[in-house]
Amino acid sequence: MEKFVPYQKLSKKKRRELNAKRREIWPISPITRKPENPKAYNRKKAQRRENDDSRSVRF
């Protein structure tokens, strides 16, 4: 039987293991997700438009 060690006194490695084990049983993701802002500038979208030569004809 393991001795009880307060959470604050656990090593960083042990705290990470304990947190990971606790996180596995959560029914929903703890990360808050929200839709992207349609008015915000999106770099990836801008690059795609710039590199898309399929619709333009070069002379």
N, C-alpha and C. Protein backbone atom coordinates (compact mmCIF):
# COMPACT_ATOMS: atom_id res chain seq x y z
N MET A 1 0.84 -1.18 0.00
CA MET A 1 0.00 0.00 0.00
C MET A 1 0.89 1.25 0.00
N GLU A 2 0.58 2.18 -0.92
CA GLU A 2 1.39 3.40 -1.03
C GLU A 2 1.04 4.40 0.06
N LYS A 3 2.03 5.15 0.47
CA LYS A 3 1.80 6.20 1.46
C LYS A 3 1.08 7.36 0.78
N PHE A 4 0.28 8.08 1.56
CA PHE A 4 -0.40 9.26 1.04
C PHE A 4 0.59 10.42 0.99
N VAL A 5 0.71 11.03 -0.18
CA VAL A 5 1.57 12.20 -0.35
C VAL A 5 0.69 13.33 -0.87
N PRO A 6 0.72 14.49 -0.21
CA PRO A 6 -0.10 15.61 -0.68
C PRO A 6 0.26 15.99 -2.12
N TYR A 7 -0.73 16.45 -2.85
CA TYR A 7 -0.55 16.80 -4.26
C TYR A 7 0.58 17.81 -4.46
N GLN A 8 0.67 18.80 -3.59
CA GLN A 8 1.70 19.84 -3.72
C GLN A 8 3.10 19.28 -3.57
N LYS A 9 3.24 18.18 -2.84
CA LYS A 9 4.56 17.61 -2.61
C LYS A 9 4.95 16.54 -3.62
N LEU A 10 4.04 16.19 -4.52
CA LEU A 10 4.37 15.20 -5.54
C LEU A 10 5.37 15.79 -6.52
N SER A 11 6.15 14.93 -7.14
CA SER A 11 7.08 15.40 -8.16
C SER A 11 6.29 15.83 -9.39
N LYS A 12 6.93 16.62 -10.23
CA LYS A 12 6.28 17.12 -11.43
C LYS A 12 5.82 15.98 -12.32
N LYS A 13 6.63 14.95 -12.43
CA LYS A 13 6.31 13.79 -13.26
C LYS A 13 5.07 13.07 -12.72
N LYS A 14 5.02 12.87 -11.41
CA LYS A 14 3.88 12.18 -10.79
C LYS A 14 2.60 13.02 -10.93
N ARG A 15 2.72 14.36 -10.78
CA ARG A 15 1.55 15.22 -10.93
C ARG A 15 1.00 15.14 -12.34
N ARG A 16 1.90 15.11 -13.35
CA ARG A 16 1.45 15.00 -14.74
C ARG A 16 0.73 13.68 -14.98
N GLU A 17 1.28 12.59 -14.43
CA GLU A 17 0.64 11.27 -14.58
C GLU A 17 -0.75 11.28 -13.94
N LEU A 18 -0.86 11.84 -12.75
CA LEU A 18 -2.13 11.90 -12.04
C LEU A 18 -3.14 12.75 -12.80
N ASN A 19 -2.71 13.89 -13.30
CA ASN A 19 -3.59 14.76 -14.07
C ASN A 19 -4.07 14.07 -15.34
N ALA A 20 -3.17 13.36 -16.02
CA ALA A 20 -3.53 12.65 -17.25
C ALA A 20 -4.55 11.56 -16.96
N LYS A 21 -4.38 10.87 -15.86
CA LYS A 21 -5.31 9.80 -15.49
C LYS A 21 -6.69 10.39 -15.18
N ARG A 22 -6.72 11.50 -14.49
CA ARG A 22 -8.00 12.15 -14.17
C ARG A 22 -8.67 12.68 -15.43
N ARG A 23 -7.89 13.20 -16.35
CA ARG A 23 -8.41 13.80 -17.56
C ARG A 23 -9.09 12.77 -18.47
N GLU A 24 -8.65 11.51 -18.40
CA GLU A 24 -9.20 10.47 -19.26
C GLU A 24 -10.67 10.20 -18.98
N ILE A 25 -11.12 10.43 -17.78
CA ILE A 25 -12.49 10.07 -17.42
C ILE A 25 -13.48 11.22 -17.61
N TRP A 26 -13.04 12.37 -18.08
CA TRP A 26 -13.96 13.49 -18.28
C TRP A 26 -14.89 13.16 -19.44
N PRO A 27 -16.19 13.40 -19.30
CA PRO A 27 -17.13 13.08 -20.37
C PRO A 27 -17.03 14.01 -21.58
N ILE A 28 -16.59 15.24 -21.36
CA ILE A 28 -16.45 16.20 -22.47
C ILE A 28 -15.04 16.76 -22.46
N SER A 29 -14.65 17.31 -23.58
CA SER A 29 -13.32 17.89 -23.69
C SER A 29 -13.24 19.15 -22.83
N PRO A 30 -12.17 19.32 -22.06
CA PRO A 30 -12.06 20.52 -21.23
C PRO A 30 -11.69 21.76 -22.03
N ILE A 31 -11.36 21.58 -23.29
CA ILE A 31 -10.98 22.71 -24.12
C ILE A 31 -12.23 23.39 -24.65
N THR A 32 -12.34 24.68 -24.44
CA THR A 32 -13.48 25.42 -24.94
C THR A 32 -13.27 25.64 -26.43
N ARG A 33 -14.27 25.26 -27.20
CA ARG A 33 -14.18 25.43 -28.64
C ARG A 33 -15.26 26.42 -29.08
N LYS A 34 -14.90 27.29 -29.99
CA LYS A 34 -15.86 28.24 -30.52
C LYS A 34 -15.63 28.38 -32.02
N PRO A 35 -16.65 28.77 -32.78
CA PRO A 35 -16.48 28.89 -34.22
C PRO A 35 -15.53 30.02 -34.59
N GLU A 36 -14.90 29.88 -35.74
CA GLU A 36 -13.97 30.92 -36.20
C GLU A 36 -14.75 32.18 -36.52
N ASN A 37 -14.11 33.32 -36.30
CA ASN A 37 -14.73 34.60 -36.63
C ASN A 37 -14.66 34.78 -38.14
N PRO A 38 -15.80 34.87 -38.83
CA PRO A 38 -15.78 34.99 -40.30
C PRO A 38 -15.18 36.32 -40.78
N LYS A 39 -15.16 37.32 -39.93
CA LYS A 39 -14.64 38.63 -40.33
C LYS A 39 -13.12 38.73 -40.13
N ALA A 40 -12.55 37.79 -39.39
CA ALA A 40 -11.12 37.83 -39.09
C ALA A 40 -10.30 37.42 -40.32
N TYR A 41 -9.10 37.97 -40.44
CA TYR A 41 -8.20 37.64 -41.54
C TYR A 41 -7.61 36.26 -41.30
N ASN A 42 -7.65 35.42 -42.33
CA ASN A 42 -7.14 34.07 -42.23
C ASN A 42 -5.98 33.91 -43.22
N ARG A 43 -4.76 33.77 -42.72
CA ARG A 43 -3.59 33.68 -43.58
C ARG A 43 -3.64 32.48 -44.51
N LYS A 44 -4.07 31.33 -44.02
CA LYS A 44 -4.12 30.13 -44.84
C LYS A 44 -5.08 30.29 -46.01
N LYS A 45 -6.20 30.90 -45.77
CA LYS A 45 -7.18 31.12 -46.81
C LYS A 45 -6.61 32.07 -47.88
N ALA A 46 -5.90 33.10 -47.45
CA ALA A 46 -5.31 34.07 -48.37
C ALA A 46 -4.24 33.41 -49.24
N GLN A 47 -3.43 32.52 -48.70
CA GLN A 47 -2.40 31.82 -49.47
C GLN A 47 -3.04 30.92 -50.52
N ARG A 48 -4.11 30.27 -50.17
CA ARG A 48 -4.79 29.38 -51.11
C ARG A 48 -5.28 30.16 -52.31
N ARG A 49 -5.87 31.31 -52.08
CA ARG A 49 -6.37 32.14 -53.19
C ARG A 49 -5.22 32.62 -54.07
N GLU A 50 -4.12 32.99 -53.43
CA GLU A 50 -2.98 33.52 -54.16
C GLU A 50 -2.35 32.46 -55.06
N ASN A 51 -2.29 31.22 -54.59
CA ASN A 51 -1.64 30.13 -55.33
C ASN A 51 -2.59 29.38 -56.26
N ASP A 52 -3.85 29.74 -56.28
CA ASP A 52 -4.82 29.05 -57.11
C ASP A 52 -4.79 29.60 -58.53
N ASP A 53 -4.09 28.90 -59.43
CA ASP A 53 -3.96 29.34 -60.83
C ASP A 53 -4.91 28.58 -61.74
N SER A 54 -5.73 27.71 -61.25
CA SER A 54 -6.59 26.88 -62.07
C SER A 54 -7.67 27.68 -62.78
N ARG A 55 -8.13 28.77 -62.20
CA ARG A 55 -9.22 29.51 -62.82
C ARG A 55 -8.73 30.67 -63.68
N SER A 56 -7.49 31.05 -63.57
CA SER A 56 -6.96 32.15 -64.39
C SER A 56 -6.13 31.60 -65.54
N VAL A 57 -6.16 32.31 -66.66
CA VAL A 57 -5.41 31.88 -67.84
C VAL A 57 -4.21 32.80 -68.01
N ARG A 58 -3.04 32.23 -68.16
CA ARG A 58 -1.82 33.01 -68.34
C ARG A 58 -1.49 33.08 -69.84
N PHE A 59 -1.04 34.22 -70.29
CA PHE A 59 -0.63 34.39 -71.70
C PHE A 59 0.85 34.38 -71.86
